[in-house]
Amino acid sequence: MTDENRDPESRLSDPEDARDADVRRLVKGALRAESASIDVLSGVQKKLRERSGGKFYADEWSTAKQPPTLTFLVTSALMLVVVVIAYAVLAPLRGHADPVQTEPAPVDVLPTIR
């Protein structure tokens, strides 16, 4: 008699099938526990900030869940203004290149006889 031919009630009464069901339930429970992880990092960072008096993680940039995009935009806009001002100041000072004679000078290969 194979497992497919037995009725469900007799399968549950079989100790081997009960162990298989227990193992299946344990594996499913272990996989479910991994998906629900606890965020320990934020608590540790908060305690370090409190104990150090704000020396560590005081800026709260590294502890924020989302990056401070407004700060990045303002910083990049200010840097663009600085670059434009530097170009406006330095552009008139660049000057022009002097023309260079590109024809070769005559070369005396034979010495002149006197």
N, C-alpha and C. Protein backbone atom coordinates (compact mmCIF):
# COMPACT_ATOMS: atom_id res chain seq x y z
N MET A 1 0.82 -1.17 0.00
CA MET A 1 0.00 0.00 0.00
C MET A 1 0.88 1.25 0.00
N THR A 2 0.64 2.19 -0.90
CA THR A 2 1.44 3.41 -0.98
C THR A 2 0.76 4.52 -0.21
N ASP A 3 1.45 5.66 -0.07
CA ASP A 3 0.90 6.80 0.67
C ASP A 3 -0.32 7.40 -0.01
N GLU A 4 -0.38 7.34 -1.33
CA GLU A 4 -1.51 7.93 -2.04
C GLU A 4 -2.79 7.13 -1.82
N ASN A 5 -2.68 5.82 -1.57
CA ASN A 5 -3.85 4.98 -1.42
C ASN A 5 -4.46 5.06 -0.02
N ARG A 6 -3.70 5.58 0.96
CA ARG A 6 -4.23 5.65 2.31
C ARG A 6 -5.14 6.86 2.46
N ASP A 7 -6.11 6.74 3.32
CA ASP A 7 -7.01 7.86 3.57
C ASP A 7 -6.32 8.88 4.49
N PRO A 8 -6.77 10.15 4.48
CA PRO A 8 -6.08 11.19 5.26
C PRO A 8 -6.06 10.92 6.76
N GLU A 9 -7.07 10.29 7.30
CA GLU A 9 -7.09 10.05 8.74
C GLU A 9 -6.01 9.06 9.14
N SER A 10 -5.80 8.04 8.33
CA SER A 10 -4.77 7.07 8.67
C SER A 10 -3.38 7.66 8.49
N ARG A 11 -3.26 8.63 7.56
CA ARG A 11 -1.97 9.30 7.37
C ARG A 11 -1.61 10.14 8.58
N LEU A 12 -2.59 10.83 9.18
CA LEU A 12 -2.31 11.64 10.35
C LEU A 12 -2.00 10.79 11.57
N SER A 13 -2.53 9.61 11.61
CA SER A 13 -2.25 8.74 12.76
C SER A 13 -0.87 8.10 12.65
N ASP A 14 -0.29 8.10 11.46
CA ASP A 14 1.05 7.54 11.27
C ASP A 14 2.07 8.47 11.92
N PRO A 15 2.94 7.97 12.82
CA PRO A 15 3.89 8.85 13.52
C PRO A 15 4.91 9.50 12.58
N GLU A 16 5.25 8.80 11.50
CA GLU A 16 6.23 9.38 10.56
C GLU A 16 5.64 10.59 9.84
N ASP A 17 4.37 10.50 9.44
CA ASP A 17 3.72 11.63 8.78
C ASP A 17 3.52 12.79 9.75
N ALA A 18 3.26 12.48 11.01
CA ALA A 18 3.11 13.53 12.02
C ALA A 18 4.43 14.27 12.21
N ARG A 19 5.54 13.51 12.20
CA ARG A 19 6.85 14.15 12.32
C ARG A 19 7.14 15.03 11.11
N ASP A 20 6.77 14.53 9.92
CA ASP A 20 6.96 15.34 8.71
C ASP A 20 6.17 16.64 8.79
N ALA A 21 4.95 16.56 9.30
CA ALA A 21 4.12 17.76 9.43
C ALA A 21 4.74 18.72 10.46
N ASP A 22 5.29 18.17 11.54
CA ASP A 22 5.95 19.01 12.54
C ASP A 22 7.18 19.71 11.96
N VAL A 23 7.96 18.95 11.21
CA VAL A 23 9.15 19.53 10.58
C VAL A 23 8.75 20.62 9.59
N ARG A 24 7.72 20.36 8.79
CA ARG A 24 7.23 21.35 7.84
C ARG A 24 6.79 22.63 8.55
N ARG A 25 6.08 22.46 9.67
CA ARG A 25 5.60 23.61 10.43
C ARG A 25 6.78 24.40 11.03
N LEU A 26 7.80 23.68 11.52
CA LEU A 26 8.98 24.35 12.08
C LEU A 26 9.75 25.13 11.01
N VAL A 27 9.89 24.54 9.83
CA VAL A 27 10.61 25.21 8.75
C VAL A 27 9.86 26.47 8.31
N LYS A 28 8.54 26.36 8.18
CA LYS A 28 7.75 27.53 7.80
C LYS A 28 7.84 28.61 8.86
N GLY A 29 7.85 28.23 10.12
CA GLY A 29 7.98 29.20 11.20
C GLY A 29 9.34 29.88 11.21
N ALA A 30 10.39 29.11 10.91
CA ALA A 30 11.74 29.69 10.87
C ALA A 30 11.88 30.67 9.72
N LEU A 31 11.29 30.34 8.58
CA LEU A 31 11.36 31.25 7.44
C LEU A 31 10.55 32.51 7.71
N ARG A 32 9.44 32.40 8.39
CA ARG A 32 8.61 33.55 8.71
C ARG A 32 9.34 34.47 9.69
N ALA A 33 10.10 33.93 10.62
CA ALA A 33 10.80 34.74 11.61
C ALA A 33 11.90 35.57 10.96
N GLU A 34 12.53 35.07 9.89
CA GLU A 34 13.59 35.83 9.23
C GLU A 34 13.05 37.06 8.52
N SER A 35 11.85 36.98 7.99
CA SER A 35 11.31 38.11 7.25
C SER A 35 10.94 39.27 8.17
N ALA A 36 10.59 39.01 9.41
CA ALA A 36 10.24 40.06 10.34
C ALA A 36 11.45 40.39 11.20
N SER A 37 12.41 41.12 10.65
CA SER A 37 13.62 41.44 11.39
C SER A 37 13.42 42.71 12.22
N ILE A 38 14.16 42.81 13.28
CA ILE A 38 14.07 43.95 14.19
C ILE A 38 15.16 44.94 13.81
N ASP A 39 14.82 46.24 13.80
CA ASP A 39 15.79 47.28 13.46
C ASP A 39 16.56 47.66 14.72
N VAL A 40 17.75 47.08 14.87
CA VAL A 40 18.58 47.31 16.04
C VAL A 40 19.46 48.54 15.84
N LEU A 41 19.79 48.84 14.59
CA LEU A 41 20.75 49.89 14.28
C LEU A 41 20.31 51.25 14.80
N SER A 42 19.06 51.60 14.61
CA SER A 42 18.61 52.93 15.05
C SER A 42 18.69 53.07 16.56
N GLY A 43 18.38 52.03 17.29
CA GLY A 43 18.48 52.08 18.75
C GLY A 43 19.91 52.23 19.22
N VAL A 44 20.82 51.52 18.57
CA VAL A 44 22.24 51.61 18.94
C VAL A 44 22.76 53.01 18.63
N GLN A 45 22.41 53.56 17.48
CA GLN A 45 22.87 54.90 17.12
C GLN A 45 22.31 55.94 18.10
N LYS A 46 21.07 55.79 18.50
CA LYS A 46 20.48 56.74 19.44
C LYS A 46 21.20 56.69 20.78
N LYS A 47 21.49 55.47 21.28
CA LYS A 47 22.20 55.36 22.55
C LYS A 47 23.61 55.93 22.45
N LEU A 48 24.29 55.69 21.32
CA LEU A 48 25.63 56.25 21.15
C LEU A 48 25.59 57.77 21.13
N ARG A 49 24.60 58.33 20.46
CA ARG A 49 24.46 59.79 20.40
C ARG A 49 24.22 60.36 21.80
N GLU A 50 23.36 59.71 22.58
CA GLU A 50 23.07 60.19 23.94
C GLU A 50 24.28 60.07 24.85
N ARG A 51 24.98 58.94 24.78
CA ARG A 51 26.13 58.73 25.66
C ARG A 51 27.31 59.64 25.30
N SER A 52 27.49 59.90 24.01
CA SER A 52 28.63 60.72 23.59
C SER A 52 28.33 62.21 23.66
N GLY A 53 27.13 62.56 24.03
CA GLY A 53 26.78 63.98 24.12
C GLY A 53 26.66 64.62 22.75
N GLY A 54 26.33 63.84 21.74
CA GLY A 54 26.16 64.38 20.40
C GLY A 54 27.42 64.34 19.56
N LYS A 55 28.49 63.75 20.07
CA LYS A 55 29.74 63.68 19.30
C LYS A 55 29.60 62.72 18.12
N PHE A 56 28.90 61.62 18.32
CA PHE A 56 28.67 60.65 17.26
C PHE A 56 27.21 60.71 16.83
N TYR A 57 26.98 60.63 15.53
CA TYR A 57 25.64 60.66 14.93
C TYR A 57 24.86 61.93 15.30
N ALA A 58 25.56 63.04 15.48
CA ALA A 58 24.89 64.28 15.84
C ALA A 58 24.21 64.93 14.64
N ASP A 59 24.75 64.70 13.43
CA ASP A 59 24.19 65.35 12.25
C ASP A 59 22.87 64.73 11.83
N GLU A 60 22.61 63.53 12.26
CA GLU A 60 21.39 62.79 11.95
C GLU A 60 21.23 62.51 10.46
N TRP A 61 22.22 62.80 9.64
CA TRP A 61 22.16 62.44 8.22
C TRP A 61 22.31 60.95 8.07
N SER A 62 23.25 60.40 8.83
CA SER A 62 23.51 58.97 8.70
C SER A 62 22.42 58.13 9.35
N THR A 63 21.63 58.72 10.23
CA THR A 63 20.58 57.95 10.89
C THR A 63 19.22 58.16 10.24
N ALA A 64 19.11 59.07 9.29
CA ALA A 64 17.82 59.34 8.64
C ALA A 64 17.44 58.19 7.72
N LYS A 65 16.15 57.94 7.62
CA LYS A 65 15.67 56.87 6.75
C LYS A 65 15.71 57.29 5.28
N GLN A 66 15.52 58.58 5.01
CA GLN A 66 15.57 59.09 3.64
C GLN A 66 16.65 60.14 3.54
N PRO A 67 17.34 60.22 2.40
CA PRO A 67 18.40 61.20 2.27
C PRO A 67 17.84 62.62 2.24
N PRO A 68 18.61 63.59 2.74
CA PRO A 68 18.14 64.99 2.74
C PRO A 68 18.29 65.60 1.35
N THR A 69 17.34 65.35 0.48
CA THR A 69 17.45 65.79 -0.91
C THR A 69 17.45 67.31 -1.04
N LEU A 70 16.72 68.00 -0.19
CA LEU A 70 16.71 69.46 -0.27
C LEU A 70 18.09 70.03 0.01
N THR A 71 18.80 69.46 0.97
CA THR A 71 20.15 69.91 1.28
C THR A 71 21.08 69.66 0.10
N PHE A 72 20.95 68.52 -0.55
CA PHE A 72 21.78 68.22 -1.72
C PHE A 72 21.49 69.20 -2.85
N LEU A 73 20.23 69.52 -3.07
CA LEU A 73 19.88 70.46 -4.15
C LEU A 73 20.42 71.85 -3.87
N VAL A 74 20.29 72.33 -2.64
CA VAL A 74 20.80 73.66 -2.30
C VAL A 74 22.31 73.70 -2.42
N THR A 75 22.98 72.66 -1.96
CA THR A 75 24.44 72.61 -2.05
C THR A 75 24.90 72.60 -3.51
N SER A 76 24.25 71.82 -4.35
CA SER A 76 24.65 71.78 -5.76
C SER A 76 24.35 73.10 -6.45
N ALA A 77 23.27 73.78 -6.10
CA ALA A 77 22.97 75.09 -6.70
C ALA A 77 24.02 76.12 -6.28
N LEU A 78 24.43 76.10 -5.01
CA LEU A 78 25.48 77.02 -4.56
C LEU A 78 26.81 76.75 -5.26
N MET A 79 27.15 75.50 -5.45
CA MET A 79 28.39 75.16 -6.15
C MET A 79 28.34 75.61 -7.60
N LEU A 80 27.20 75.51 -8.24
CA LEU A 80 27.05 75.98 -9.60
C LEU A 80 27.25 77.49 -9.67
N VAL A 81 26.72 78.22 -8.71
CA VAL A 81 26.91 79.68 -8.66
C VAL A 81 28.38 80.00 -8.47
N VAL A 82 29.08 79.29 -7.61
CA VAL A 82 30.51 79.53 -7.38
C VAL A 82 31.30 79.28 -8.65
N VAL A 83 31.00 78.23 -9.39
CA VAL A 83 31.71 77.92 -10.63
C VAL A 83 31.46 79.00 -11.68
N VAL A 84 30.23 79.47 -11.80
CA VAL A 84 29.91 80.53 -12.77
C VAL A 84 30.65 81.83 -12.41
N ILE A 85 30.68 82.18 -11.13
CA ILE A 85 31.41 83.39 -10.71
C ILE A 85 32.90 83.24 -10.99
N ALA A 86 33.47 82.08 -10.71
CA ALA A 86 34.90 81.86 -10.97
C ALA A 86 35.19 81.97 -12.46
N TYR A 87 34.32 81.45 -13.31
CA TYR A 87 34.52 81.56 -14.75
C TYR A 87 34.42 83.01 -15.19
N ALA A 88 33.46 83.76 -14.64
CA ALA A 88 33.29 85.16 -15.03
C ALA A 88 34.50 85.99 -14.61
N VAL A 89 35.13 85.67 -13.50
CA VAL A 89 36.30 86.42 -13.05
C VAL A 89 37.54 86.03 -13.82
N LEU A 90 37.71 84.75 -14.09
CA LEU A 90 38.95 84.27 -14.70
C LEU A 90 38.94 84.31 -16.23
N ALA A 91 37.79 84.39 -16.87
CA ALA A 91 37.72 84.38 -18.33
C ALA A 91 38.45 85.57 -18.95
N PRO A 92 38.31 86.79 -18.46
CA PRO A 92 39.05 87.91 -19.08
C PRO A 92 40.56 87.83 -18.88
N LEU A 93 41.02 87.08 -17.94
CA LEU A 93 42.45 86.99 -17.65
C LEU A 93 43.17 85.95 -18.50
N ARG A 94 42.44 85.20 -19.29
CA ARG A 94 43.08 84.11 -20.02
C ARG A 94 43.96 84.60 -21.15
N GLY A 95 43.70 85.77 -21.74
CA GLY A 95 44.56 86.34 -22.77
C GLY A 95 44.46 85.58 -24.08
N HIS A 96 45.35 85.97 -25.02
CA HIS A 96 45.38 85.34 -26.33
C HIS A 96 46.78 84.82 -26.61
N ALA A 97 46.87 83.82 -27.43
CA ALA A 97 48.16 83.23 -27.77
C ALA A 97 48.89 84.12 -28.77
N ASP A 98 50.20 84.21 -28.63
CA ASP A 98 51.02 84.96 -29.58
C ASP A 98 51.25 84.10 -30.81
N PRO A 99 51.23 84.72 -31.98
CA PRO A 99 51.50 83.93 -33.20
C PRO A 99 52.95 83.43 -33.21
N VAL A 100 53.13 82.25 -33.72
CA VAL A 100 54.44 81.63 -33.76
C VAL A 100 54.79 81.36 -35.22
N GLN A 101 56.06 81.64 -35.58
CA GLN A 101 56.51 81.38 -36.94
C GLN A 101 56.68 79.88 -37.11
N THR A 102 55.97 79.33 -38.09
CA THR A 102 56.00 77.89 -38.27
C THR A 102 56.91 77.45 -39.41
N GLU A 103 57.53 78.40 -40.15
CA GLU A 103 58.45 78.04 -41.23
C GLU A 103 59.81 77.75 -40.65
N PRO A 104 60.45 76.72 -41.14
CA PRO A 104 61.78 76.41 -40.61
C PRO A 104 62.81 77.46 -41.05
N ALA A 105 63.78 77.71 -40.22
CA ALA A 105 64.84 78.66 -40.53
C ALA A 105 65.83 77.99 -41.49
N PRO A 106 66.46 78.76 -42.35
CA PRO A 106 67.45 78.14 -43.25
C PRO A 106 68.65 77.61 -42.47
N VAL A 107 69.12 76.46 -42.91
CA VAL A 107 70.23 75.80 -42.22
C VAL A 107 71.39 75.73 -43.21
N ASP A 108 72.54 76.16 -42.76
CA ASP A 108 73.77 76.05 -43.58
C ASP A 108 74.40 74.72 -43.31
N VAL A 109 74.32 73.82 -44.31
CA VAL A 109 74.89 72.50 -44.14
C VAL A 109 76.39 72.55 -44.45
N LEU A 110 76.75 73.26 -45.50
CA LEU A 110 78.15 73.37 -45.88
C LEU A 110 78.71 74.69 -45.37
N PRO A 111 79.87 74.62 -44.82
CA PRO A 111 80.45 75.87 -44.36
C PRO A 111 80.81 76.78 -45.53
N THR A 112 80.71 78.03 -45.33
CA THR A 112 81.05 78.97 -46.40
C THR A 112 82.57 79.08 -46.52
N ILE A 113 83.07 79.16 -47.76
CA ILE A 113 84.50 79.25 -48.00
C ILE A 113 84.84 80.72 -48.23
N ARG A 114 85.91 81.18 -47.68
CA ARG A 114 86.33 82.56 -47.82
C ARG A 114 87.64 82.69 -48.46
